[in-house]
Amino acid sequence: GAGLHTIDRLNIKEALENPQFSDIAGQVRDRLITIVRSYIDAGIIDIEEITG
């Protein structure tokens, strides 16, 4: 078999700036915001936990 394929790791900024990954990185960002907002709305976390 061909084995496992790996890709170089990119940080978030690099992924958003890279045309190959910017679309998926933007989608992940949008989904993450939705998830975090739902946790805040449910009172499970507060904004201070996010901003540190």
PDB file of N, CA and C in Angstrom:
ATOM      1  N   GLY A   1       0.817  -1.188   0.000  1.00  0.00           N
ATOM      2  CA  GLY A   1       0.000   0.000   0.000  1.00  0.00           C
ATOM      3  C   GLY A   1       0.855   1.244   0.000  1.00  0.00           C
ATOM      4  N   ALA A   2       0.214   2.334  -0.204  1.00  0.00           N
ATOM      5  CA  ALA A   2       0.899   3.624  -0.270  1.00  0.00           C
ATOM      6  C   ALA A   2       1.221   4.168   1.105  1.00  0.00           C
ATOM      7  N   GLY A   3       0.606   3.626   2.149  1.00  0.00           N
ATOM      8  CA  GLY A   3       0.854   4.140   3.489  1.00  0.00           C
ATOM      9  C   GLY A   3       0.065   5.402   3.749  1.00  0.00           C
ATOM     10  N   LEU A   4       0.369   6.002   4.869  1.00  0.00           N
ATOM     11  CA  LEU A   4      -0.325   7.223   5.258  1.00  0.00           C
ATOM     12  C   LEU A   4       0.296   8.421   4.569  1.00  0.00           C
ATOM     13  N   HIS A   5      -0.539   9.319   4.134  1.00  0.00           N
ATOM     14  CA  HIS A   5      -0.065  10.567   3.549  1.00  0.00           C
ATOM     15  C   HIS A   5      -0.118  11.645   4.616  1.00  0.00           C
ATOM     16  N   THR A   6       0.901  12.438   4.714  1.00  0.00           N
ATOM     17  CA  THR A   6       0.922  13.527   5.685  1.00  0.00           C
ATOM     18  C   THR A   6       1.101  14.850   4.956  1.00  0.00           C
ATOM     19  N   ILE A   7       0.703  15.905   5.613  1.00  0.00           N
ATOM     20  CA  ILE A   7       0.932  17.246   5.088  1.00  0.00           C
ATOM     21  C   ILE A   7       1.670  18.038   6.149  1.00  0.00           C
ATOM     22  N   ASP A   8       2.375  19.060   5.706  1.00  0.00           N
ATOM     23  CA  ASP A   8       3.047  19.937   6.659  1.00  0.00           C
ATOM     24  C   ASP A   8       1.999  20.643   7.500  1.00  0.00           C
ATOM     25  N   ARG A   9       2.352  20.905   8.750  1.00  0.00           N
ATOM     26  CA  ARG A   9       1.432  21.628   9.626  1.00  0.00           C
ATOM     27  C   ARG A   9       1.515  23.114   9.321  1.00  0.00           C
ATOM     28  N   LEU A  10       0.357  23.750   9.319  1.00  0.00           N
ATOM     29  CA  LEU A  10       0.271  25.190   9.139  1.00  0.00           C
ATOM     30  C   LEU A  10      -0.392  25.772  10.371  1.00  0.00           C
ATOM     31  N   ASN A  11       0.090  26.947  10.787  1.00  0.00           N
ATOM     32  CA  ASN A  11      -0.661  27.602  11.849  1.00  0.00           C
ATOM     33  C   ASN A  11      -1.904  28.241  11.226  1.00  0.00           C
ATOM     34  N   ILE A  12      -2.774  28.727  12.055  1.00  0.00           N
ATOM     35  CA  ILE A  12      -4.057  29.240  11.566  1.00  0.00           C
ATOM     36  C   ILE A  12      -3.861  30.388  10.581  1.00  0.00           C
ATOM     37  N   LYS A  13      -2.963  31.298  10.896  1.00  0.00           N
ATOM     38  CA  LYS A  13      -2.726  32.442  10.011  1.00  0.00           C
ATOM     39  C   LYS A  13      -2.212  31.977   8.652  1.00  0.00           C
ATOM     40  N   GLU A  14      -1.279  31.028   8.655  1.00  0.00           N
ATOM     41  CA  GLU A  14      -0.752  30.498   7.397  1.00  0.00           C
ATOM     42  C   GLU A  14      -1.842  29.798   6.589  1.00  0.00           C
ATOM     43  N   ALA A  15      -2.696  29.049   7.271  1.00  0.00           N
ATOM     44  CA  ALA A  15      -3.773  28.344   6.572  1.00  0.00           C
ATOM     45  C   ALA A  15      -4.735  29.328   5.917  1.00  0.00           C
ATOM     46  N   LEU A  16      -5.078  30.405   6.627  1.00  0.00           N
ATOM     47  CA  LEU A  16      -5.997  31.399   6.069  1.00  0.00           C
ATOM     48  C   LEU A  16      -5.374  32.157   4.900  1.00  0.00           C
ATOM     49  N   GLU A  17      -4.040  32.319   4.917  1.00  0.00           N
ATOM     50  CA  GLU A  17      -3.353  33.042   3.849  1.00  0.00           C
ATOM     51  C   GLU A  17      -3.026  32.156   2.651  1.00  0.00           C
ATOM     52  N   ASN A  18      -3.063  30.836   2.821  1.00  0.00           N
ATOM     53  CA  ASN A  18      -2.707  29.895   1.769  1.00  0.00           C
ATOM     54  C   ASN A  18      -3.946  29.592   0.929  1.00  0.00           C
ATOM     55  N   PRO A  19      -3.908  29.902  -0.382  1.00  0.00           N
ATOM     56  CA  PRO A  19      -5.084  29.665  -1.224  1.00  0.00           C
ATOM     57  C   PRO A  19      -5.571  28.211  -1.195  1.00  0.00           C
ATOM     58  N   GLN A  20      -4.659  27.279  -0.981  1.00  0.00           N
ATOM     59  CA  GLN A  20      -5.029  25.862  -0.948  1.00  0.00           C
ATOM     60  C   GLN A  20      -5.891  25.527   0.273  1.00  0.00           C
ATOM     61  N   PHE A  21      -5.717  26.264   1.364  1.00  0.00           N
ATOM     62  CA  PHE A  21      -6.398  25.939   2.609  1.00  0.00           C
ATOM     63  C   PHE A  21      -7.325  27.027   3.118  1.00  0.00           C
ATOM     64  N   SER A  22      -7.328  28.193   2.492  1.00  0.00           N
ATOM     65  CA  SER A  22      -8.062  29.329   3.058  1.00  0.00           C
ATOM     66  C   SER A  22      -9.564  29.075   3.147  1.00  0.00           C
ATOM     67  N   ASP A  23     -10.145  28.391   2.170  1.00  0.00           N
ATOM     68  CA  ASP A  23     -11.588  28.146   2.205  1.00  0.00           C
ATOM     69  C   ASP A  23     -11.964  27.261   3.388  1.00  0.00           C
ATOM     70  N   ILE A  24     -11.281  26.146   3.548  1.00  0.00           N
ATOM     71  CA  ILE A  24     -11.604  25.242   4.653  1.00  0.00           C
ATOM     72  C   ILE A  24     -11.265  25.882   5.993  1.00  0.00           C
ATOM     73  N   ALA A  25     -10.169  26.638   6.058  1.00  0.00           N
ATOM     74  CA  ALA A  25      -9.809  27.311   7.308  1.00  0.00           C
ATOM     75  C   ALA A  25     -10.883  28.329   7.688  1.00  0.00           C
ATOM     76  N   GLY A  26     -11.420  29.024   6.704  1.00  0.00           N
ATOM     77  CA  GLY A  26     -12.506  29.967   6.967  1.00  0.00           C
ATOM     78  C   GLY A  26     -13.773  29.268   7.429  1.00  0.00           C
ATOM     79  N   GLN A  27     -14.062  28.111   6.842  1.00  0.00           N
ATOM     80  CA  GLN A  27     -15.239  27.346   7.259  1.00  0.00           C
ATOM     81  C   GLN A  27     -15.086  26.835   8.690  1.00  0.00           C
ATOM     82  N   VAL A  28     -13.889  26.371   9.024  1.00  0.00           N
ATOM     83  CA  VAL A  28     -13.635  25.900  10.389  1.00  0.00           C
ATOM     84  C   VAL A  28     -13.803  27.054  11.368  1.00  0.00           C
ATOM     85  N   ARG A  29     -13.279  28.231  11.014  1.00  0.00           N
ATOM     86  CA  ARG A  29     -13.419  29.420  11.861  1.00  0.00           C
ATOM     87  C   ARG A  29     -14.890  29.738  12.112  1.00  0.00           C
ATOM     88  N   ASP A  30     -15.673  29.760  11.035  1.00  0.00           N
ATOM     89  CA  ASP A  30     -17.096  30.080  11.169  1.00  0.00           C
ATOM     90  C   ASP A  30     -17.817  29.066  12.051  1.00  0.00           C
ATOM     91  N   ARG A  31     -17.501  27.793  11.884  1.00  0.00           N
ATOM     92  CA  ARG A  31     -18.143  26.750  12.692  1.00  0.00           C
ATOM     93  C   ARG A  31     -17.732  26.870  14.151  1.00  0.00           C
ATOM     94  N   LEU A  32     -16.460  27.156  14.382  1.00  0.00           N
ATOM     95  CA  LEU A  32     -15.967  27.315  15.748  1.00  0.00           C
ATOM     96  C   LEU A  32     -16.676  28.464  16.454  1.00  0.00           C
ATOM     97  N   ILE A  33     -16.858  29.572  15.755  1.00  0.00           N
ATOM     98  CA  ILE A  33     -17.576  30.711  16.335  1.00  0.00           C
ATOM     99  C   ILE A  33     -19.000  30.307  16.705  1.00  0.00           C
ATOM    100  N   THR A  34     -19.671  29.579  15.828  1.00  0.00           N
ATOM    101  CA  THR A  34     -21.030  29.110  16.109  1.00  0.00           C
ATOM    102  C   THR A  34     -21.060  28.237  17.355  1.00  0.00           C
ATOM    103  N   ILE A  35     -20.106  27.330  17.467  1.00  0.00           N
ATOM    104  CA  ILE A  35     -20.044  26.430  18.626  1.00  0.00           C
ATOM    105  C   ILE A  35     -19.795  27.217  19.908  1.00  0.00           C
ATOM    106  N   VAL A  36     -18.823  28.124  19.881  1.00  0.00           N
ATOM    107  CA  VAL A  36     -18.500  28.906  21.076  1.00  0.00           C
ATOM    108  C   VAL A  36     -19.694  29.765  21.488  1.00  0.00           C
ATOM    109  N   ARG A  37     -20.353  30.387  20.522  1.00  0.00           N
ATOM    110  CA  ARG A  37     -21.540  31.196  20.851  1.00  0.00           C
ATOM    111  C   ARG A  37     -22.621  30.353  21.508  1.00  0.00           C
ATOM    112  N   SER A  38     -22.816  29.126  21.037  1.00  0.00           N
ATOM    113  CA  SER A  38     -23.851  28.279  21.635  1.00  0.00           C
ATOM    114  C   SER A  38     -23.491  27.914  23.071  1.00  0.00           C
ATOM    115  N   TYR A  39     -22.217  27.701  23.350  1.00  0.00           N
ATOM    116  CA  TYR A  39     -21.789  27.438  24.726  1.00  0.00           C
ATOM    117  C   TYR A  39     -22.002  28.668  25.604  1.00  0.00           C
ATOM    118  N   ILE A  40     -21.708  29.855  25.073  1.00  0.00           N
ATOM    119  CA  ILE A  40     -21.927  31.092  25.827  1.00  0.00           C
ATOM    120  C   ILE A  40     -23.418  31.290  26.080  1.00  0.00           C
ATOM    121  N   ASP A  41     -24.233  31.111  25.042  1.00  0.00           N
ATOM    122  CA  ASP A  41     -25.689  31.273  25.186  1.00  0.00           C
ATOM    123  C   ASP A  41     -26.271  30.304  26.208  1.00  0.00           C
ATOM    124  N   ALA A  42     -25.699  29.105  26.304  1.00  0.00           N
ATOM    125  CA  ALA A  42     -26.190  28.097  27.247  1.00  0.00           C
ATOM    126  C   ALA A  42     -25.636  28.311  28.650  1.00  0.00           C
ATOM    127  N   GLY A  43     -24.739  29.287  28.807  1.00  0.00           N
ATOM    128  CA  GLY A  43     -24.165  29.566  30.117  1.00  0.00           C
ATOM    129  C   GLY A  43     -23.104  28.574  30.557  1.00  0.00           C
ATOM    130  N   ILE A  44     -22.583  27.796  29.621  1.00  0.00           N
ATOM    131  CA  ILE A  44     -21.577  26.784  29.944  1.00  0.00           C
ATOM    132  C   ILE A  44     -20.191  27.416  30.076  1.00  0.00           C
ATOM    133  N   ILE A  45     -19.922  28.401  29.234  1.00  0.00           N
ATOM    134  CA  ILE A  45     -18.678  29.168  29.335  1.00  0.00           C
ATOM    135  C   ILE A  45     -19.033  30.646  29.262  1.00  0.00           C
ATOM    136  N   ASP A  46     -18.110  31.493  29.702  1.00  0.00           N
ATOM    137  CA  ASP A  46     -18.336  32.925  29.561  1.00  0.00           C
ATOM    138  C   ASP A  46     -17.187  33.540  28.773  1.00  0.00           C
ATOM    139  N   ILE A  47     -17.402  34.760  28.331  1.00  0.00           N
ATOM    140  CA  ILE A  47     -16.449  35.418  27.441  1.00  0.00           C
ATOM    141  C   ILE A  47     -15.077  35.568  28.086  1.00  0.00           C
ATOM    142  N   GLU A  48     -15.031  35.696  29.404  1.00  0.00           N
ATOM    143  CA  GLU A  48     -13.749  35.832  30.090  1.00  0.00           C
ATOM    144  C   GLU A  48     -12.894  34.576  29.921  1.00  0.00           C
ATOM    145  N   GLU A  49     -13.539  33.416  29.823  1.00  0.00           N
ATOM    146  CA  GLU A  49     -12.789  32.186  29.588  1.00  0.00           C
ATOM    147  C   GLU A  49     -12.164  32.174  28.197  1.00  0.00           C
ATOM    148  N   ILE A  50     -12.797  32.834  27.257  1.00  0.00           N
ATOM    149  CA  ILE A  50     -12.288  32.888  25.892  1.00  0.00           C
ATOM    150  C   ILE A  50     -11.147  33.890  25.784  1.00  0.00           C
ATOM    151  N   THR A  51     -11.331  35.057  26.392  1.00  0.00           N
ATOM    152  CA  THR A  51     -10.342  36.124  26.259  1.00  0.00           C
ATOM    153  C   THR A  51      -9.172  35.966  27.211  1.00  0.00           C
ATOM    154  N   GLY A  52      -9.309  35.052  28.163  1.00  0.00           N
ATOM    155  CA  GLY A  52      -8.219  34.730  29.063  1.00  0.00           C
ATOM    156  C   GLY A  52      -7.947  35.764  30.077  1.00  0.00           C
TER     157      GLY A  52
END
